[in-house]
């Protein structure tokens, strides 16, 4: 079992950051994040997430043009913004990723299954990305508030990938955090049957 410090890093003390310190995130750290997150469970090992790590000023400007006004400065000042996409043709990789049965046939021609599987499992992988980033000492700022069509055209043109959500990565300025918001209790959110 993880010790309390590790649990605090991943969950209890982790916060959504909006303001970033001027401290870079290395390409090696981005590789490390992926090498951790790729082991997270997905249905039939489908792993539909496709990630674009936006670091350069030019690409940040391009992404900033796709987000809502309240997210522009967040994108421009974060060291990295991860665009978590979902490959709508993920099932083409299933002969490699799930070789012990013909899982590809479960999806060919079944658009509803493709869409729900891609969305659900890329969302899981996005959460794994955030946990991996926190595990290596980075902070996260996941966001909605963007024009999905613009992001798809700007970053995924000519592919079967569509954006799911975006997440800033870096070293958050803890002095600029809002007070922590409450959470629902176990009794309010769960039941054991």
N, C-alpha and C. Protein backbone atom coordinates (compact mmCIF):
# COMPACT_ATOMS: atom_id res chain seq x y z
N UNK A 1 0.85 -1.19 0.00
CA UNK A 1 0.00 0.00 0.00
C UNK A 1 0.88 1.24 0.00
N UNK A 2 0.43 2.27 -0.70
CA UNK A 2 1.15 3.53 -0.72
C UNK A 2 1.11 4.19 0.65
N UNK A 3 2.17 4.92 0.97
CA UNK A 3 2.16 5.64 2.25
C UNK A 3 1.31 6.90 2.14
N UNK A 4 1.06 7.55 3.26
CA UNK A 4 0.17 8.71 3.28
C UNK A 4 0.71 9.86 2.43
N UNK A 5 2.02 10.05 2.40
CA UNK A 5 2.59 11.12 1.56
C UNK A 5 2.24 10.91 0.09
N UNK A 6 2.35 9.66 -0.37
CA UNK A 6 2.02 9.37 -1.77
C UNK A 6 0.53 9.58 -2.04
N UNK A 7 -0.31 9.15 -1.12
CA UNK A 7 -1.75 9.34 -1.27
C UNK A 7 -2.10 10.83 -1.28
N UNK A 8 -1.43 11.61 -0.43
CA UNK A 8 -1.65 13.06 -0.41
C UNK A 8 -1.24 13.68 -1.73
N UNK A 9 -0.10 13.25 -2.29
CA UNK A 9 0.39 13.79 -3.56
C UNK A 9 -0.59 13.51 -4.69
N UNK A 10 -1.11 12.30 -4.73
CA UNK A 10 -2.01 11.91 -5.82
C UNK A 10 -3.44 12.42 -5.64
N UNK A 11 -3.90 12.52 -4.40
CA UNK A 11 -5.31 12.81 -4.16
C UNK A 11 -5.55 13.93 -3.15
N UNK A 12 -5.29 13.67 -1.88
CA UNK A 12 -5.75 14.54 -0.80
C UNK A 12 -5.25 15.97 -0.90
N UNK A 13 -4.00 16.17 -1.28
CA UNK A 13 -3.43 17.52 -1.35
C UNK A 13 -3.34 18.04 -2.78
N UNK A 14 -3.67 17.22 -3.75
CA UNK A 14 -3.60 17.63 -5.15
C UNK A 14 -4.69 18.65 -5.43
N UNK A 15 -4.35 19.65 -6.22
CA UNK A 15 -5.29 20.72 -6.52
C UNK A 15 -5.28 21.01 -8.02
N UNK A 16 -6.34 21.63 -8.50
CA UNK A 16 -6.40 22.11 -9.87
C UNK A 16 -5.78 23.50 -9.90
N UNK A 17 -4.69 23.63 -10.66
CA UNK A 17 -3.97 24.90 -10.72
C UNK A 17 -4.36 25.69 -11.95
N UNK A 18 -4.40 27.02 -11.77
CA UNK A 18 -4.69 27.95 -12.85
C UNK A 18 -3.56 28.93 -13.10
N UNK A 19 -2.63 29.04 -12.14
CA UNK A 19 -1.51 29.97 -12.23
C UNK A 19 -0.23 29.15 -12.10
N UNK A 20 0.73 29.44 -12.97
CA UNK A 20 1.91 28.59 -13.10
C UNK A 20 3.19 29.34 -12.81
N UNK A 21 4.13 28.66 -12.18
CA UNK A 21 5.47 29.19 -11.97
C UNK A 21 6.24 29.10 -13.28
N UNK A 22 7.17 29.99 -13.47
CA UNK A 22 7.98 30.02 -14.70
C UNK A 22 9.10 28.99 -14.58
N UNK A 23 8.70 27.74 -14.52
CA UNK A 23 9.63 26.63 -14.39
C UNK A 23 9.28 25.62 -15.48
N UNK A 24 10.23 25.30 -16.34
CA UNK A 24 9.90 24.45 -17.49
C UNK A 24 9.62 22.99 -17.13
N UNK A 25 8.90 22.34 -18.01
CA UNK A 25 8.67 20.90 -17.96
C UNK A 25 9.46 20.31 -19.12
N UNK A 26 10.29 19.33 -18.82
CA UNK A 26 11.16 18.77 -19.86
C UNK A 26 10.43 17.73 -20.71
N UNK A 27 10.96 17.51 -21.90
CA UNK A 27 10.44 16.44 -22.75
C UNK A 27 10.58 15.10 -22.04
N UNK A 28 11.66 14.92 -21.29
CA UNK A 28 11.86 13.67 -20.55
C UNK A 28 10.72 13.44 -19.56
N UNK A 29 10.25 14.51 -18.92
CA UNK A 29 9.12 14.37 -17.99
C UNK A 29 7.86 13.96 -18.74
N UNK A 30 7.65 14.49 -19.94
CA UNK A 30 6.46 14.12 -20.72
C UNK A 30 6.52 12.66 -21.13
N UNK A 31 7.71 12.19 -21.53
CA UNK A 31 7.88 10.77 -21.82
C UNK A 31 7.58 9.93 -20.58
N UNK A 32 8.08 10.38 -19.43
CA UNK A 32 7.87 9.64 -18.18
C UNK A 32 6.38 9.56 -17.85
N UNK A 33 5.66 10.66 -18.04
CA UNK A 33 4.21 10.65 -17.81
C UNK A 33 3.55 9.59 -18.69
N UNK A 34 3.88 9.59 -19.98
CA UNK A 34 3.26 8.62 -20.87
C UNK A 34 3.63 7.19 -20.48
N UNK A 35 4.90 6.96 -20.14
CA UNK A 35 5.34 5.62 -19.79
C UNK A 35 4.62 5.09 -18.55
N UNK A 36 4.18 5.97 -17.67
CA UNK A 36 3.37 5.56 -16.51
C UNK A 36 1.91 5.38 -16.90
N UNK A 37 1.35 6.37 -17.58
CA UNK A 37 -0.09 6.34 -17.85
C UNK A 37 -0.51 5.21 -18.77
N UNK A 38 0.39 4.77 -19.64
CA UNK A 38 0.01 3.77 -20.64
C UNK A 38 -0.37 2.43 -20.01
N UNK A 39 0.02 2.22 -18.76
CA UNK A 39 -0.28 0.95 -18.10
C UNK A 39 -1.65 0.92 -17.44
N UNK A 40 -2.36 2.05 -17.42
CA UNK A 40 -3.69 2.08 -16.83
C UNK A 40 -4.68 1.25 -17.63
N UNK A 41 -5.63 0.65 -16.94
CA UNK A 41 -6.61 -0.24 -17.56
C UNK A 41 -7.55 0.52 -18.49
N UNK A 42 -7.84 -0.10 -19.65
CA UNK A 42 -8.88 0.36 -20.56
C UNK A 42 -9.61 -0.88 -21.09
N UNK A 43 -10.84 -0.70 -21.55
CA UNK A 43 -11.64 -1.81 -22.05
C UNK A 43 -10.93 -2.47 -23.23
N UNK A 44 -10.75 -3.78 -23.16
CA UNK A 44 -10.09 -4.57 -24.20
C UNK A 44 -8.72 -3.97 -24.56
N UNK A 45 -8.09 -3.33 -23.59
CA UNK A 45 -6.78 -2.69 -23.81
C UNK A 45 -6.84 -1.75 -25.01
N UNK A 46 -7.97 -1.08 -25.17
CA UNK A 46 -8.22 -0.26 -26.36
C UNK A 46 -7.33 0.98 -26.45
N UNK A 47 -6.93 1.51 -25.34
CA UNK A 47 -6.04 2.69 -25.25
C UNK A 47 -6.27 3.71 -26.37
N UNK A 48 -7.46 4.32 -26.42
CA UNK A 48 -7.77 5.23 -27.50
C UNK A 48 -7.19 6.64 -27.35
N UNK A 49 -6.62 6.97 -26.20
CA UNK A 49 -6.11 8.33 -26.01
C UNK A 49 -4.92 8.60 -26.93
N UNK A 50 -4.91 9.79 -27.51
CA UNK A 50 -3.79 10.29 -28.27
C UNK A 50 -3.50 11.67 -27.71
N UNK A 51 -2.27 11.92 -27.33
CA UNK A 51 -1.91 13.13 -26.60
C UNK A 51 -1.03 14.03 -27.47
N UNK A 52 -1.38 15.30 -27.52
CA UNK A 52 -0.50 16.32 -28.09
C UNK A 52 -0.06 17.19 -26.92
N UNK A 53 1.24 17.23 -26.66
CA UNK A 53 1.80 18.09 -25.62
C UNK A 53 2.21 19.41 -26.26
N UNK A 54 1.49 20.47 -25.95
CA UNK A 54 1.72 21.78 -26.55
C UNK A 54 2.70 22.56 -25.67
N UNK A 55 3.89 22.84 -26.22
CA UNK A 55 4.94 23.54 -25.46
C UNK A 55 5.39 24.84 -26.11
N UNK A 56 5.50 24.87 -27.42
CA UNK A 56 6.10 26.04 -28.09
C UNK A 56 5.14 27.23 -28.05
N UNK A 57 5.70 28.42 -28.10
CA UNK A 57 4.88 29.63 -28.09
C UNK A 57 3.93 29.67 -29.28
N UNK A 58 4.40 29.26 -30.45
CA UNK A 58 3.55 29.29 -31.64
C UNK A 58 2.36 28.35 -31.49
N UNK A 59 2.60 27.16 -30.97
CA UNK A 59 1.51 26.20 -30.81
C UNK A 59 0.58 26.61 -29.66
N UNK A 60 1.13 27.26 -28.63
CA UNK A 60 0.27 27.78 -27.55
C UNK A 60 -0.68 28.85 -28.09
N UNK A 61 -0.15 29.72 -28.97
CA UNK A 61 -1.01 30.75 -29.59
C UNK A 61 -2.13 30.09 -30.39
N UNK A 62 -1.77 29.05 -31.13
CA UNK A 62 -2.77 28.33 -31.93
C UNK A 62 -3.83 27.71 -31.03
N UNK A 63 -3.40 27.11 -29.91
CA UNK A 63 -4.36 26.52 -28.97
C UNK A 63 -5.18 27.59 -28.27
N UNK A 64 -4.53 28.70 -27.90
CA UNK A 64 -5.25 29.78 -27.21
C UNK A 64 -6.40 30.31 -28.06
N UNK A 65 -6.25 30.26 -29.37
CA UNK A 65 -7.33 30.71 -30.26
C UNK A 65 -8.51 29.75 -30.27
N UNK A 66 -8.35 28.59 -29.66
CA UNK A 66 -9.41 27.57 -29.64
C UNK A 66 -10.13 27.48 -28.30
N UNK A 67 -9.67 28.20 -27.29
CA UNK A 67 -10.25 28.06 -25.96
C UNK A 67 -11.10 29.27 -25.60
N UNK A 68 -11.93 29.10 -24.58
CA UNK A 68 -12.77 30.21 -24.12
C UNK A 68 -11.90 31.31 -23.52
N UNK A 69 -12.45 32.51 -23.45
CA UNK A 69 -11.69 33.67 -22.97
C UNK A 69 -11.06 33.43 -21.61
N UNK A 70 -11.77 32.75 -20.72
CA UNK A 70 -11.26 32.50 -19.37
C UNK A 70 -10.10 31.51 -19.33
N UNK A 71 -9.86 30.81 -20.41
CA UNK A 71 -8.77 29.82 -20.43
C UNK A 71 -7.55 30.27 -21.24
N UNK A 72 -7.64 31.41 -21.92
CA UNK A 72 -6.54 31.86 -22.77
C UNK A 72 -5.25 32.04 -21.99
N UNK A 73 -5.29 32.82 -20.91
CA UNK A 73 -4.07 33.05 -20.13
C UNK A 73 -3.55 31.77 -19.50
N UNK A 74 -4.45 30.89 -19.10
CA UNK A 74 -4.02 29.61 -18.51
C UNK A 74 -3.18 28.81 -19.52
N UNK A 75 -3.64 28.77 -20.76
CA UNK A 75 -2.92 28.04 -21.81
C UNK A 75 -1.59 28.72 -22.12
N UNK A 76 -1.61 30.05 -22.22
CA UNK A 76 -0.40 30.77 -22.60
C UNK A 76 0.69 30.72 -21.54
N UNK A 77 0.29 30.63 -20.26
CA UNK A 77 1.29 30.69 -19.18
C UNK A 77 1.70 29.32 -18.65
N UNK A 78 0.94 28.30 -18.94
CA UNK A 78 1.32 26.95 -18.48
C UNK A 78 2.53 26.48 -19.28
N UNK A 79 3.47 25.79 -18.65
CA UNK A 79 4.61 25.26 -19.40
C UNK A 79 4.19 24.30 -20.52
N UNK A 80 3.15 23.52 -20.27
CA UNK A 80 2.67 22.54 -21.24
C UNK A 80 1.15 22.43 -21.10
N UNK A 81 0.48 22.30 -22.23
CA UNK A 81 -0.92 21.90 -22.21
C UNK A 81 -1.03 20.59 -22.97
N UNK A 82 -1.57 19.58 -22.30
CA UNK A 82 -1.81 18.29 -22.94
C UNK A 82 -3.21 18.32 -23.56
N UNK A 83 -3.27 18.08 -24.86
CA UNK A 83 -4.56 17.89 -25.51
C UNK A 83 -4.81 16.39 -25.50
N UNK A 84 -5.80 15.98 -24.72
CA UNK A 84 -6.14 14.56 -24.63
C UNK A 84 -7.19 14.28 -25.69
N UNK A 85 -6.76 13.57 -26.73
CA UNK A 85 -7.65 13.23 -27.82
C UNK A 85 -8.11 11.78 -27.72
N UNK A 86 -9.10 11.47 -28.54
CA UNK A 86 -9.60 10.10 -28.60
C UNK A 86 -9.60 9.66 -30.05
N UNK A 87 -8.92 8.57 -30.31
CA UNK A 87 -8.81 8.04 -31.67
C UNK A 87 -10.06 7.25 -31.98
N UNK A 88 -10.85 7.76 -32.91
CA UNK A 88 -12.10 7.10 -33.27
C UNK A 88 -11.86 5.85 -34.12
N UNK A 89 -10.62 5.60 -34.48
CA UNK A 89 -10.25 4.38 -35.18
C UNK A 89 -9.35 3.51 -34.29
N UNK A 90 -9.50 3.66 -32.99
CA UNK A 90 -8.68 2.90 -32.03
C UNK A 90 -8.73 1.40 -32.28
N UNK A 91 -9.88 0.93 -32.73
CA UNK A 91 -10.09 -0.51 -32.90
C UNK A 91 -9.17 -1.13 -33.94
N UNK A 92 -8.59 -0.29 -34.81
CA UNK A 92 -7.63 -0.81 -35.79
C UNK A 92 -6.35 -1.32 -35.12
N UNK A 93 -6.10 -0.86 -33.91
CA UNK A 93 -4.91 -1.30 -33.15
C UNK A 93 -5.19 -2.55 -32.30
N UNK A 94 -6.44 -2.98 -32.23
CA UNK A 94 -6.78 -4.10 -31.34
C UNK A 94 -6.11 -5.42 -31.72
N UNK A 95 -5.87 -5.72 -32.99
CA UNK A 95 -5.12 -6.96 -33.27
C UNK A 95 -3.75 -6.97 -32.58
N UNK A 96 -3.14 -5.82 -32.43
CA UNK A 96 -1.86 -5.70 -31.72
C UNK A 96 -2.06 -5.66 -30.21
N UNK A 97 -3.05 -4.86 -29.76
CA UNK A 97 -3.20 -4.59 -28.33
C UNK A 97 -4.01 -5.64 -27.58
N UNK A 98 -4.86 -6.38 -28.27
CA UNK A 98 -5.72 -7.39 -27.64
C UNK A 98 -5.74 -8.62 -28.54
N UNK A 99 -4.57 -9.27 -28.72
CA UNK A 99 -4.39 -10.27 -29.79
C UNK A 99 -5.05 -11.62 -29.56
N UNK A 100 -5.55 -11.89 -28.37
CA UNK A 100 -6.07 -13.24 -28.11
C UNK A 100 -7.49 -13.47 -28.60
N UNK A 101 -8.12 -12.43 -29.17
CA UNK A 101 -9.44 -12.60 -29.77
C UNK A 101 -9.64 -11.51 -30.83
N UNK A 102 -10.65 -11.65 -31.64
CA UNK A 102 -10.90 -10.66 -32.70
C UNK A 102 -11.75 -9.52 -32.15
N UNK A 103 -11.16 -8.70 -31.29
CA UNK A 103 -11.88 -7.58 -30.68
C UNK A 103 -12.19 -6.49 -31.70
N UNK A 104 -11.41 -6.39 -32.74
CA UNK A 104 -11.66 -5.39 -33.78
C UNK A 104 -13.08 -5.55 -34.33
N UNK A 105 -13.53 -6.77 -34.50
CA UNK A 105 -14.86 -7.03 -35.08
C UNK A 105 -15.99 -6.53 -34.18
N UNK A 106 -15.72 -6.31 -32.91
CA UNK A 106 -16.74 -5.78 -32.01
C UNK A 106 -17.12 -4.35 -32.36
N UNK A 107 -16.22 -3.65 -33.06
CA UNK A 107 -16.40 -2.22 -33.30
C UNK A 107 -16.65 -1.85 -34.75
N UNK A 108 -16.14 -2.62 -35.70
CA UNK A 108 -16.27 -2.26 -37.11
C UNK A 108 -17.76 -2.10 -37.44
N UNK A 109 -18.12 -0.90 -37.93
CA UNK A 109 -19.50 -0.63 -38.31
C UNK A 109 -20.43 -0.32 -37.16
N UNK A 110 -19.93 -0.30 -35.92
CA UNK A 110 -20.76 -0.03 -34.74
C UNK A 110 -20.37 1.33 -34.16
N UNK A 111 -20.89 2.39 -34.77
CA UNK A 111 -20.49 3.74 -34.39
C UNK A 111 -20.78 4.06 -32.94
N UNK A 112 -21.90 3.60 -32.41
CA UNK A 112 -22.23 3.87 -31.01
C UNK A 112 -21.19 3.25 -30.08
N UNK A 113 -20.78 2.03 -30.36
CA UNK A 113 -19.76 1.38 -29.53
C UNK A 113 -18.40 2.07 -29.67
N UNK A 114 -18.07 2.50 -30.88
CA UNK A 114 -16.82 3.22 -31.10
C UNK A 114 -16.80 4.50 -30.28
N UNK A 115 -17.86 5.29 -30.39
CA UNK A 115 -17.90 6.58 -29.71
C UNK A 115 -17.88 6.44 -28.20
N UNK A 116 -18.69 5.54 -27.66
CA UNK A 116 -18.73 5.40 -26.20
C UNK A 116 -17.42 4.82 -25.66
N UNK A 117 -16.85 3.88 -26.36
CA UNK A 117 -15.58 3.27 -25.91
C UNK A 117 -14.44 4.27 -26.01
N UNK A 118 -14.38 5.01 -27.11
CA UNK A 118 -13.31 6.01 -27.26
C UNK A 118 -13.42 7.08 -26.20
N UNK A 119 -14.63 7.58 -25.96
CA UNK A 119 -14.79 8.65 -24.97
C UNK A 119 -14.50 8.16 -23.55
N UNK A 120 -15.11 7.05 -23.18
CA UNK A 120 -14.95 6.54 -21.81
C UNK A 120 -13.49 6.22 -21.52
N UNK A 121 -12.85 5.53 -22.43
CA UNK A 121 -11.51 5.04 -22.15
C UNK A 121 -10.44 6.11 -22.34
N UNK A 122 -10.64 7.07 -23.24
CA UNK A 122 -9.69 8.18 -23.31
C UNK A 122 -9.84 9.08 -22.09
N UNK A 123 -11.05 9.17 -21.53
CA UNK A 123 -11.24 9.91 -20.28
C UNK A 123 -10.47 9.24 -19.15
N UNK A 124 -10.57 7.90 -19.08
CA UNK A 124 -9.77 7.17 -18.09
C UNK A 124 -8.29 7.46 -18.27
N UNK A 125 -7.84 7.41 -19.50
CA UNK A 125 -6.41 7.64 -19.76
C UNK A 125 -6.01 9.07 -19.42
N UNK A 126 -6.90 10.02 -19.63
CA UNK A 126 -6.61 11.39 -19.22
C UNK A 126 -6.45 11.49 -17.71
N UNK A 127 -7.26 10.75 -16.97
CA UNK A 127 -7.11 10.72 -15.51
C UNK A 127 -5.79 10.06 -15.12
N UNK A 128 -5.42 8.99 -15.83
CA UNK A 128 -4.12 8.36 -15.58
C UNK A 128 -2.99 9.35 -15.85
N UNK A 129 -3.12 10.15 -16.91
CA UNK A 129 -2.12 11.15 -17.22
C UNK A 129 -1.96 12.12 -16.05
N UNK A 130 -3.07 12.57 -15.49
CA UNK A 130 -3.00 13.50 -14.36
C UNK A 130 -2.35 12.85 -13.14
N UNK A 131 -2.69 11.61 -12.85
CA UNK A 131 -2.07 10.92 -11.72
C UNK A 131 -0.58 10.72 -11.96
N UNK A 132 -0.20 10.38 -13.19
CA UNK A 132 1.21 10.20 -13.52
C UNK A 132 1.96 11.52 -13.37
N UNK A 133 1.36 12.62 -13.84
CA UNK A 133 2.00 13.93 -13.71
C UNK A 133 2.20 14.28 -12.24
N UNK A 134 1.19 14.06 -11.43
CA UNK A 134 1.32 14.33 -10.00
C UNK A 134 2.37 13.43 -9.36
N UNK A 135 2.44 12.19 -9.79
CA UNK A 135 3.39 11.23 -9.22
C UNK A 135 4.83 11.65 -9.47
N UNK A 136 5.09 12.38 -10.58
CA UNK A 136 6.47 12.81 -10.85
C UNK A 136 6.71 14.26 -10.41
N UNK A 137 5.76 14.82 -9.65
CA UNK A 137 5.98 16.13 -9.05
C UNK A 137 5.40 17.32 -9.77
N UNK A 138 4.57 17.09 -10.78
CA UNK A 138 3.94 18.19 -11.50
C UNK A 138 2.53 18.43 -10.98
N UNK A 139 2.02 19.59 -11.30
CA UNK A 139 0.64 19.94 -10.99
C UNK A 139 -0.18 19.92 -12.28
N UNK A 140 -1.49 19.88 -12.13
CA UNK A 140 -2.39 19.75 -13.28
C UNK A 140 -3.48 20.82 -13.21
N UNK A 141 -3.96 21.19 -14.37
CA UNK A 141 -5.10 22.09 -14.49
C UNK A 141 -5.99 21.64 -15.63
N UNK A 142 -6.83 20.61 -15.40
CA UNK A 142 -7.71 20.13 -16.47
C UNK A 142 -8.77 21.17 -16.82
N UNK A 143 -9.16 21.21 -18.10
CA UNK A 143 -10.11 22.21 -18.55
C UNK A 143 -11.05 21.67 -19.62
N UNK A 144 -12.28 22.15 -19.54
CA UNK A 144 -13.18 22.15 -20.67
C UNK A 144 -13.10 23.59 -21.19
N UNK A 145 -14.15 24.11 -21.76
CA UNK A 145 -14.10 25.50 -22.18
C UNK A 145 -13.23 25.71 -23.41
N UNK A 146 -13.58 25.00 -24.48
CA UNK A 146 -12.85 25.14 -25.74
C UNK A 146 -13.78 24.79 -26.88
N UNK A 147 -13.38 25.20 -28.07
CA UNK A 147 -14.11 24.88 -29.29
C UNK A 147 -13.51 23.59 -29.84
N UNK A 148 -14.20 22.49 -29.65
CA UNK A 148 -13.68 21.18 -30.04
C UNK A 148 -13.38 21.12 -31.53
N UNK A 149 -14.25 21.69 -32.34
CA UNK A 149 -14.04 21.65 -33.79
C UNK A 149 -12.76 22.38 -34.18
N UNK A 150 -12.50 23.53 -33.55
CA UNK A 150 -11.27 24.27 -33.84
C UNK A 150 -10.03 23.49 -33.42
N UNK A 151 -10.09 22.86 -32.23
CA UNK A 151 -8.94 22.07 -31.78
C UNK A 151 -8.71 20.91 -32.73
N UNK A 152 -9.78 20.23 -33.12
CA UNK A 152 -9.64 19.10 -34.04
C UNK A 152 -9.01 19.56 -35.36
N UNK A 153 -9.46 20.70 -35.89
CA UNK A 153 -8.91 21.21 -37.15
C UNK A 153 -7.46 21.64 -36.98
N UNK A 154 -7.13 22.23 -35.84
CA UNK A 154 -5.79 22.78 -35.62
C UNK A 154 -4.75 21.73 -35.27
N UNK A 155 -5.16 20.68 -34.56
CA UNK A 155 -4.19 19.72 -34.03
C UNK A 155 -4.37 18.28 -34.51
N UNK A 156 -5.55 17.94 -35.03
CA UNK A 156 -5.81 16.56 -35.43
C UNK A 156 -6.31 16.45 -36.87
N UNK A 157 -6.10 17.48 -37.68
CA UNK A 157 -6.58 17.45 -39.07
C UNK A 157 -5.99 16.26 -39.80
N UNK A 158 -6.84 15.62 -40.60
CA UNK A 158 -6.39 14.48 -41.40
C UNK A 158 -6.28 13.18 -40.62
N UNK A 159 -6.77 13.18 -39.39
CA UNK A 159 -6.74 11.97 -38.57
C UNK A 159 -8.15 11.62 -38.12
N UNK A 160 -8.26 10.51 -37.43
CA UNK A 160 -9.54 10.10 -36.84
C UNK A 160 -9.61 10.50 -35.36
N UNK A 161 -8.72 11.37 -34.92
CA UNK A 161 -8.66 11.78 -33.52
C UNK A 161 -9.50 13.02 -33.30
N UNK A 162 -10.23 13.02 -32.17
CA UNK A 162 -11.04 14.16 -31.74
C UNK A 162 -10.65 14.50 -30.31
N UNK A 163 -10.69 15.77 -29.97
CA UNK A 163 -10.33 16.19 -28.62
C UNK A 163 -11.37 15.70 -27.60
N UNK A 164 -10.89 15.29 -26.44
CA UNK A 164 -11.74 14.96 -25.30
C UNK A 164 -11.70 16.12 -24.31
N UNK A 165 -10.49 16.42 -23.77
CA UNK A 165 -10.32 17.58 -22.90
C UNK A 165 -8.87 18.02 -22.95
N UNK A 166 -8.58 19.16 -22.32
CA UNK A 166 -7.21 19.65 -22.27
C UNK A 166 -6.79 19.78 -20.81
N UNK A 167 -5.47 19.70 -20.58
CA UNK A 167 -4.97 19.73 -19.21
C UNK A 167 -3.60 20.42 -19.18
N UNK A 168 -3.53 21.53 -18.46
CA UNK A 168 -2.25 22.19 -18.27
C UNK A 168 -1.39 21.39 -17.31
N UNK A 169 -0.09 21.40 -17.56
CA UNK A 169 0.87 20.68 -16.74
C UNK A 169 2.02 21.62 -16.40
N UNK A 170 2.51 21.52 -15.18
CA UNK A 170 3.65 22.33 -14.78
C UNK A 170 3.76 22.38 -13.28
N UNK A 171 4.33 23.47 -12.81
CA UNK A 171 4.49 23.70 -11.37
C UNK A 171 3.56 24.84 -10.99
N UNK A 172 2.48 24.50 -10.32
CA UNK A 172 1.48 25.48 -9.98
C UNK A 172 1.94 26.42 -8.88
N UNK A 173 1.41 27.63 -8.91
CA UNK A 173 1.69 28.61 -7.87
C UNK A 173 0.68 28.41 -6.75
N UNK A 174 1.11 27.74 -5.70
CA UNK A 174 0.21 27.40 -4.59
C UNK A 174 -0.35 28.64 -3.89
N UNK A 175 0.36 29.75 -3.96
CA UNK A 175 -0.13 30.98 -3.33
C UNK A 175 -1.33 31.58 -4.06
N UNK A 176 -1.58 31.13 -5.29
CA UNK A 176 -2.69 31.67 -6.08
C UNK A 176 -3.90 30.73 -6.12
N UNK A 177 -3.88 29.69 -5.31
CA UNK A 177 -4.99 28.74 -5.29
C UNK A 177 -6.20 29.34 -4.58
N UNK A 178 -7.37 29.00 -5.07
CA UNK A 178 -8.60 29.31 -4.35
C UNK A 178 -8.68 28.40 -3.14
N UNK A 179 -9.48 28.77 -2.12
CA UNK A 179 -9.69 27.81 -1.03
C UNK A 179 -10.26 26.51 -1.58
N UNK A 180 -9.90 25.42 -0.94
CA UNK A 180 -10.34 24.11 -1.43
C UNK A 180 -11.85 23.99 -1.35
N UNK A 181 -12.45 23.53 -2.42
CA UNK A 181 -13.90 23.33 -2.46
C UNK A 181 -14.26 22.03 -1.75
N UNK A 182 -15.46 21.97 -1.17
CA UNK A 182 -15.88 20.74 -0.48
C UNK A 182 -16.14 19.60 -1.44
N UNK A 183 -16.22 18.42 -0.92
CA UNK A 183 -16.57 17.22 -1.67
C UNK A 183 -17.78 16.56 -0.99
N UNK A 184 -18.48 15.75 -1.73
CA UNK A 184 -19.59 14.99 -1.15
C UNK A 184 -19.04 13.92 -0.23
N UNK A 185 -19.79 13.62 0.81
CA UNK A 185 -19.42 12.53 1.72
C UNK A 185 -19.71 11.19 1.06
N UNK A 186 -19.16 10.13 1.63
CA UNK A 186 -19.45 8.79 1.15
C UNK A 186 -20.95 8.55 1.11
N UNK A 187 -21.64 8.95 2.16
CA UNK A 187 -23.09 8.71 2.27
C UNK A 187 -23.87 9.47 1.20
N UNK A 188 -23.37 10.62 0.78
CA UNK A 188 -24.05 11.40 -0.24
C UNK A 188 -23.79 10.85 -1.64
N UNK A 189 -22.64 10.23 -1.86
CA UNK A 189 -22.25 9.83 -3.22
C UNK A 189 -22.29 8.32 -3.46
N UNK A 190 -22.37 7.54 -2.41
CA UNK A 190 -22.19 6.09 -2.56
C UNK A 190 -23.25 5.32 -1.79
N UNK A 191 -23.42 4.08 -2.20
CA UNK A 191 -24.16 3.14 -1.36
C UNK A 191 -23.57 1.77 -1.58
N UNK A 192 -23.66 0.97 -0.58
CA UNK A 192 -23.18 -0.43 -0.64
C UNK A 192 -24.42 -1.30 -0.67
N UNK A 193 -24.52 -2.16 -1.68
CA UNK A 193 -25.73 -2.99 -1.80
C UNK A 193 -25.37 -4.46 -1.75
